[in-house]
Amino acid sequence: MSSDPASGPASFDDDDYPAFTMGRAAEMLGTTPGFLRSLDEAKLITPQRSDGGHRRYSRYQLRLAARARELVDQGTALEAACRIIILEDQLAEALRINEEMRGPS
């Protein structure tokens, strides 16, 4: 792993680096490990696995999980919440690509 003394290891800045265990992720989100497993089963997030088979979550995945929890807490069914989040994510990516293609104004 490369590191820059000014910014630390590259993984610290990587939104997709699987830095958080299931227990820590659930604690950070104020939810249960079971809720995180349900997001995996619904195919919203697929955590990486450690050598020992334990789930590891990235900051990006935790943002998606936090959004899912927000929607579920508001009364949205889990499957519908996952679909909403996937569509929101696709829209954000399309807008980002559109902005890149337009270039500087």
N, C-alpha and C. Protein backbone atom coordinates (compact mmCIF):
# COMPACT_ATOMS: atom_id res chain seq x y z
N MET A 1 0.85 -1.18 0.00
CA MET A 1 0.00 0.00 0.00
C MET A 1 0.89 1.22 0.00
N SER A 2 0.59 2.15 -0.91
CA SER A 2 1.39 3.37 -0.97
C SER A 2 0.85 4.37 0.04
N SER A 3 1.74 5.21 0.51
CA SER A 3 1.27 6.26 1.42
C SER A 3 2.03 7.54 1.16
N ASP A 4 1.37 8.61 1.45
CA ASP A 4 1.92 9.94 1.31
C ASP A 4 2.03 10.48 2.73
N PRO A 5 3.20 10.85 3.18
CA PRO A 5 3.35 11.31 4.56
C PRO A 5 2.39 12.46 4.91
N ALA A 6 2.02 13.26 3.92
CA ALA A 6 1.15 14.40 4.19
C ALA A 6 -0.30 13.97 4.41
N SER A 7 -0.73 12.88 3.77
CA SER A 7 -2.14 12.50 3.87
C SER A 7 -2.35 11.12 4.47
N GLY A 8 -1.29 10.40 4.80
CA GLY A 8 -1.44 9.07 5.37
C GLY A 8 -1.65 8.04 4.28
N PRO A 9 -1.97 6.80 4.67
CA PRO A 9 -2.18 5.75 3.67
C PRO A 9 -3.29 6.12 2.69
N ALA A 10 -3.13 5.71 1.45
CA ALA A 10 -4.11 6.03 0.41
C ALA A 10 -5.51 5.55 0.78
N SER A 11 -5.62 4.42 1.50
CA SER A 11 -6.92 3.87 1.83
C SER A 11 -7.74 4.81 2.72
N PHE A 12 -7.10 5.71 3.47
CA PHE A 12 -7.83 6.64 4.33
C PHE A 12 -8.70 7.60 3.52
N ASP A 13 -8.29 7.89 2.29
CA ASP A 13 -9.03 8.81 1.44
C ASP A 13 -9.95 8.09 0.47
N ASP A 14 -9.96 6.77 0.49
CA ASP A 14 -10.72 5.97 -0.46
C ASP A 14 -12.11 5.67 0.09
N ASP A 15 -13.14 6.22 -0.54
CA ASP A 15 -14.53 6.01 -0.11
C ASP A 15 -14.97 4.55 -0.23
N ASP A 16 -14.25 3.78 -1.06
CA ASP A 16 -14.63 2.39 -1.29
C ASP A 16 -13.79 1.40 -0.48
N TYR A 17 -12.87 1.89 0.32
CA TYR A 17 -12.03 0.99 1.12
C TYR A 17 -12.88 0.38 2.25
N PRO A 18 -12.89 -0.95 2.36
CA PRO A 18 -13.72 -1.62 3.37
C PRO A 18 -13.10 -1.53 4.77
N ALA A 19 -13.28 -0.41 5.42
CA ALA A 19 -12.59 -0.13 6.67
C ALA A 19 -13.37 -0.52 7.93
N PHE A 20 -14.68 -0.75 7.80
CA PHE A 20 -15.50 -0.90 9.00
C PHE A 20 -16.08 -2.30 9.14
N THR A 21 -15.95 -2.86 10.33
CA THR A 21 -16.55 -4.16 10.62
C THR A 21 -18.07 -3.99 10.73
N MET A 22 -18.78 -5.08 10.69
CA MET A 22 -20.24 -5.01 10.80
C MET A 22 -20.65 -4.37 12.13
N GLY A 23 -20.02 -4.77 13.21
CA GLY A 23 -20.35 -4.23 14.51
C GLY A 23 -20.12 -2.72 14.58
N ARG A 24 -18.99 -2.28 14.07
CA ARG A 24 -18.67 -0.84 14.07
C ARG A 24 -19.63 -0.08 13.15
N ALA A 25 -19.92 -0.65 11.98
CA ALA A 25 -20.84 0.01 11.05
C ALA A 25 -22.23 0.15 11.68
N ALA A 26 -22.71 -0.91 12.31
CA ALA A 26 -24.03 -0.86 12.96
C ALA A 26 -24.04 0.18 14.07
N GLU A 27 -22.96 0.23 14.84
CA GLU A 27 -22.85 1.21 15.92
C GLU A 27 -22.87 2.64 15.37
N MET A 28 -22.12 2.88 14.31
CA MET A 28 -22.05 4.21 13.71
C MET A 28 -23.41 4.65 13.17
N LEU A 29 -24.18 3.70 12.64
CA LEU A 29 -25.48 4.01 12.04
C LEU A 29 -26.62 3.98 13.06
N GLY A 30 -26.33 3.48 14.26
CA GLY A 30 -27.38 3.37 15.26
C GLY A 30 -28.41 2.32 14.89
N THR A 31 -27.95 1.23 14.30
CA THR A 31 -28.83 0.16 13.86
C THR A 31 -28.27 -1.18 14.32
N THR A 32 -28.82 -2.26 13.83
CA THR A 32 -28.37 -3.59 14.22
C THR A 32 -27.60 -4.25 13.08
N PRO A 33 -26.76 -5.23 13.41
CA PRO A 33 -26.11 -6.00 12.35
C PRO A 33 -27.15 -6.66 11.44
N GLY A 34 -28.29 -7.05 11.99
CA GLY A 34 -29.35 -7.66 11.18
C GLY A 34 -29.85 -6.74 10.09
N PHE A 35 -29.95 -5.44 10.40
CA PHE A 35 -30.37 -4.46 9.38
C PHE A 35 -29.35 -4.43 8.25
N LEU A 36 -28.07 -4.43 8.60
CA LEU A 36 -27.02 -4.42 7.56
C LEU A 36 -27.08 -5.70 6.73
N ARG A 37 -27.32 -6.84 7.36
CA ARG A 37 -27.46 -8.09 6.61
C ARG A 37 -28.65 -8.01 5.65
N SER A 38 -29.74 -7.38 6.10
CA SER A 38 -30.92 -7.27 5.23
C SER A 38 -30.62 -6.41 4.00
N LEU A 39 -29.76 -5.41 4.13
CA LEU A 39 -29.37 -4.59 2.98
C LEU A 39 -28.52 -5.39 1.99
N ASP A 40 -27.73 -6.31 2.54
CA ASP A 40 -26.94 -7.22 1.70
C ASP A 40 -27.88 -8.17 0.96
N GLU A 41 -28.86 -8.73 1.68
CA GLU A 41 -29.83 -9.65 1.06
C GLU A 41 -30.66 -8.95 0.00
N ALA A 42 -30.97 -7.67 0.21
CA ALA A 42 -31.74 -6.88 -0.76
C ALA A 42 -30.87 -6.39 -1.91
N LYS A 43 -29.58 -6.68 -1.86
CA LYS A 43 -28.60 -6.32 -2.89
C LYS A 43 -28.36 -4.82 -3.02
N LEU A 44 -28.63 -4.08 -1.92
CA LEU A 44 -28.30 -2.65 -1.94
C LEU A 44 -26.80 -2.46 -1.75
N ILE A 45 -26.25 -3.16 -0.79
CA ILE A 45 -24.80 -3.10 -0.56
C ILE A 45 -24.28 -4.53 -0.43
N THR A 46 -23.12 -4.76 -1.00
CA THR A 46 -22.47 -6.06 -0.89
C THR A 46 -21.10 -5.82 -0.27
N PRO A 47 -21.01 -6.02 1.05
CA PRO A 47 -19.73 -5.75 1.70
C PRO A 47 -18.66 -6.74 1.27
N GLN A 48 -17.43 -6.27 1.32
CA GLN A 48 -16.31 -7.19 1.07
C GLN A 48 -16.18 -8.10 2.28
N ARG A 49 -15.45 -9.18 2.13
CA ARG A 49 -15.23 -10.12 3.23
C ARG A 49 -13.76 -10.14 3.60
N SER A 50 -13.51 -10.20 4.90
CA SER A 50 -12.13 -10.34 5.38
C SER A 50 -11.68 -11.77 5.12
N ASP A 51 -10.41 -12.04 5.35
CA ASP A 51 -9.90 -13.41 5.18
C ASP A 51 -10.67 -14.39 6.05
N GLY A 52 -11.16 -13.93 7.18
CA GLY A 52 -11.93 -14.78 8.08
C GLY A 52 -13.41 -14.86 7.73
N GLY A 53 -13.83 -14.17 6.65
CA GLY A 53 -15.21 -14.22 6.21
C GLY A 53 -16.12 -13.16 6.81
N HIS A 54 -15.55 -12.23 7.56
CA HIS A 54 -16.36 -11.19 8.19
C HIS A 54 -16.65 -10.05 7.21
N ARG A 55 -17.85 -9.50 7.30
CA ARG A 55 -18.24 -8.39 6.43
C ARG A 55 -17.45 -7.13 6.80
N ARG A 56 -17.03 -6.40 5.76
CA ARG A 56 -16.32 -5.13 5.93
C ARG A 56 -16.98 -4.10 5.02
N TYR A 57 -17.31 -2.93 5.59
CA TYR A 57 -18.05 -1.89 4.89
C TYR A 57 -17.19 -0.66 4.61
N SER A 58 -17.47 -0.03 3.47
CA SER A 58 -16.79 1.21 3.10
C SER A 58 -17.63 2.40 3.54
N ARG A 59 -17.03 3.57 3.50
CA ARG A 59 -17.78 4.80 3.82
C ARG A 59 -18.93 5.01 2.84
N TYR A 60 -18.70 4.71 1.58
CA TYR A 60 -19.76 4.83 0.58
C TYR A 60 -20.93 3.92 0.95
N GLN A 61 -20.64 2.67 1.31
CA GLN A 61 -21.70 1.74 1.68
C GLN A 61 -22.43 2.21 2.94
N LEU A 62 -21.70 2.81 3.86
CA LEU A 62 -22.35 3.31 5.08
C LEU A 62 -23.28 4.48 4.76
N ARG A 63 -22.93 5.30 3.78
CA ARG A 63 -23.84 6.38 3.38
C ARG A 63 -25.14 5.81 2.80
N LEU A 64 -25.01 4.77 1.97
CA LEU A 64 -26.20 4.12 1.42
C LEU A 64 -27.04 3.50 2.54
N ALA A 65 -26.38 2.85 3.48
CA ALA A 65 -27.09 2.22 4.60
C ALA A 65 -27.79 3.27 5.46
N ALA A 66 -27.14 4.41 5.67
CA ALA A 66 -27.75 5.48 6.46
C ALA A 66 -28.99 6.02 5.75
N ARG A 67 -28.92 6.15 4.44
CA ARG A 67 -30.08 6.62 3.66
C ARG A 67 -31.21 5.59 3.75
N ALA A 68 -30.86 4.30 3.68
CA ALA A 68 -31.88 3.24 3.80
C ALA A 68 -32.54 3.30 5.16
N ARG A 69 -31.75 3.48 6.19
CA ARG A 69 -32.32 3.56 7.54
C ARG A 69 -33.26 4.75 7.65
N GLU A 70 -32.86 5.87 7.08
CA GLU A 70 -33.70 7.08 7.11
C GLU A 70 -35.06 6.80 6.45
N LEU A 71 -35.04 6.18 5.27
CA LEU A 71 -36.29 5.89 4.57
C LEU A 71 -37.15 4.88 5.32
N VAL A 72 -36.52 3.83 5.85
CA VAL A 72 -37.25 2.82 6.61
C VAL A 72 -37.85 3.43 7.87
N ASP A 73 -37.09 4.29 8.54
CA ASP A 73 -37.60 4.96 9.75
C ASP A 73 -38.80 5.85 9.42
N GLN A 74 -38.88 6.33 8.17
CA GLN A 74 -40.01 7.16 7.74
C GLN A 74 -41.21 6.32 7.29
N GLY A 75 -41.05 5.00 7.34
CA GLY A 75 -42.16 4.11 7.00
C GLY A 75 -42.11 3.47 5.63
N THR A 76 -41.02 3.68 4.90
CA THR A 76 -40.87 3.07 3.59
C THR A 76 -40.46 1.61 3.76
N ALA A 77 -41.07 0.72 2.99
CA ALA A 77 -40.69 -0.69 3.03
C ALA A 77 -39.23 -0.83 2.59
N LEU A 78 -38.53 -1.81 3.15
CA LEU A 78 -37.10 -1.99 2.87
C LEU A 78 -36.83 -2.13 1.37
N GLU A 79 -37.59 -2.99 0.69
CA GLU A 79 -37.36 -3.19 -0.76
C GLU A 79 -37.56 -1.89 -1.53
N ALA A 80 -38.59 -1.12 -1.18
CA ALA A 80 -38.83 0.16 -1.86
C ALA A 80 -37.72 1.15 -1.54
N ALA A 81 -37.27 1.17 -0.30
CA ALA A 81 -36.18 2.07 0.09
C ALA A 81 -34.92 1.75 -0.72
N CYS A 82 -34.62 0.48 -0.87
CA CYS A 82 -33.43 0.09 -1.65
C CYS A 82 -33.56 0.53 -3.10
N ARG A 83 -34.73 0.38 -3.67
CA ARG A 83 -34.94 0.79 -5.06
C ARG A 83 -34.78 2.31 -5.21
N ILE A 84 -35.34 3.05 -4.27
CA ILE A 84 -35.21 4.52 -4.28
C ILE A 84 -33.74 4.92 -4.24
N ILE A 85 -32.98 4.30 -3.36
CA ILE A 85 -31.57 4.64 -3.19
C ILE A 85 -30.78 4.30 -4.45
N ILE A 86 -31.07 3.17 -5.06
CA ILE A 86 -30.38 2.80 -6.30
C ILE A 86 -30.67 3.84 -7.39
N LEU A 87 -31.92 4.26 -7.50
CA LEU A 87 -32.27 5.27 -8.50
C LEU A 87 -31.62 6.61 -8.20
N GLU A 88 -31.59 7.00 -6.92
CA GLU A 88 -30.92 8.25 -6.54
C GLU A 88 -29.44 8.20 -6.90
N ASP A 89 -28.82 7.07 -6.65
CA ASP A 89 -27.39 6.90 -6.93
C ASP A 89 -27.14 6.95 -8.44
N GLN A 90 -28.00 6.30 -9.23
CA GLN A 90 -27.85 6.33 -10.68
C GLN A 90 -28.04 7.74 -11.22
N LEU A 91 -28.99 8.48 -10.69
CA LEU A 91 -29.21 9.85 -11.12
C LEU A 91 -28.00 10.73 -10.80
N ALA A 92 -27.47 10.60 -9.59
CA ALA A 92 -26.29 11.39 -9.21
C ALA A 92 -25.11 11.10 -10.13
N GLU A 93 -24.92 9.83 -10.48
CA GLU A 93 -23.82 9.45 -11.37
C GLU A 93 -24.05 10.02 -12.77
N ALA A 94 -25.28 9.94 -13.26
CA ALA A 94 -25.60 10.49 -14.59
C ALA A 94 -25.37 11.99 -14.62
N LEU A 95 -25.77 12.69 -13.58
CA LEU A 95 -25.55 14.14 -13.51
C LEU A 95 -24.07 14.48 -13.47
N ARG A 96 -23.29 13.67 -12.73
CA ARG A 96 -21.85 13.89 -12.65
C ARG A 96 -21.20 13.71 -14.03
N ILE A 97 -21.58 12.66 -14.72
CA ILE A 97 -21.03 12.38 -16.06
C ILE A 97 -21.44 13.50 -17.03
N ASN A 98 -22.69 13.94 -16.95
CA ASN A 98 -23.18 15.01 -17.81
C ASN A 98 -22.36 16.29 -17.57
N GLU A 99 -22.10 16.59 -16.32
CA GLU A 99 -21.31 17.78 -15.98
C GLU A 99 -19.88 17.66 -16.52
N GLU A 100 -19.29 16.47 -16.40
CA GLU A 100 -17.93 16.24 -16.94
C GLU A 100 -17.89 16.44 -18.44
N MET A 101 -18.93 15.95 -19.12
CA MET A 101 -18.95 16.03 -20.57
C MET A 101 -19.13 17.47 -21.05
N ARG A 102 -19.81 18.28 -20.27
CA ARG A 102 -20.02 19.68 -20.64
C ARG A 102 -18.72 20.48 -20.55
N GLY A 103 -17.86 20.08 -19.63
CA GLY A 103 -16.59 20.77 -19.47
C GLY A 103 -16.77 22.13 -18.81
N PRO A 104 -15.72 22.92 -18.77
CA PRO A 104 -15.79 24.22 -18.14
C PRO A 104 -16.74 25.15 -18.91
N SER A 105 -17.45 25.97 -18.15
CA SER A 105 -18.41 26.90 -18.78
C SER A 105 -17.72 28.12 -19.31
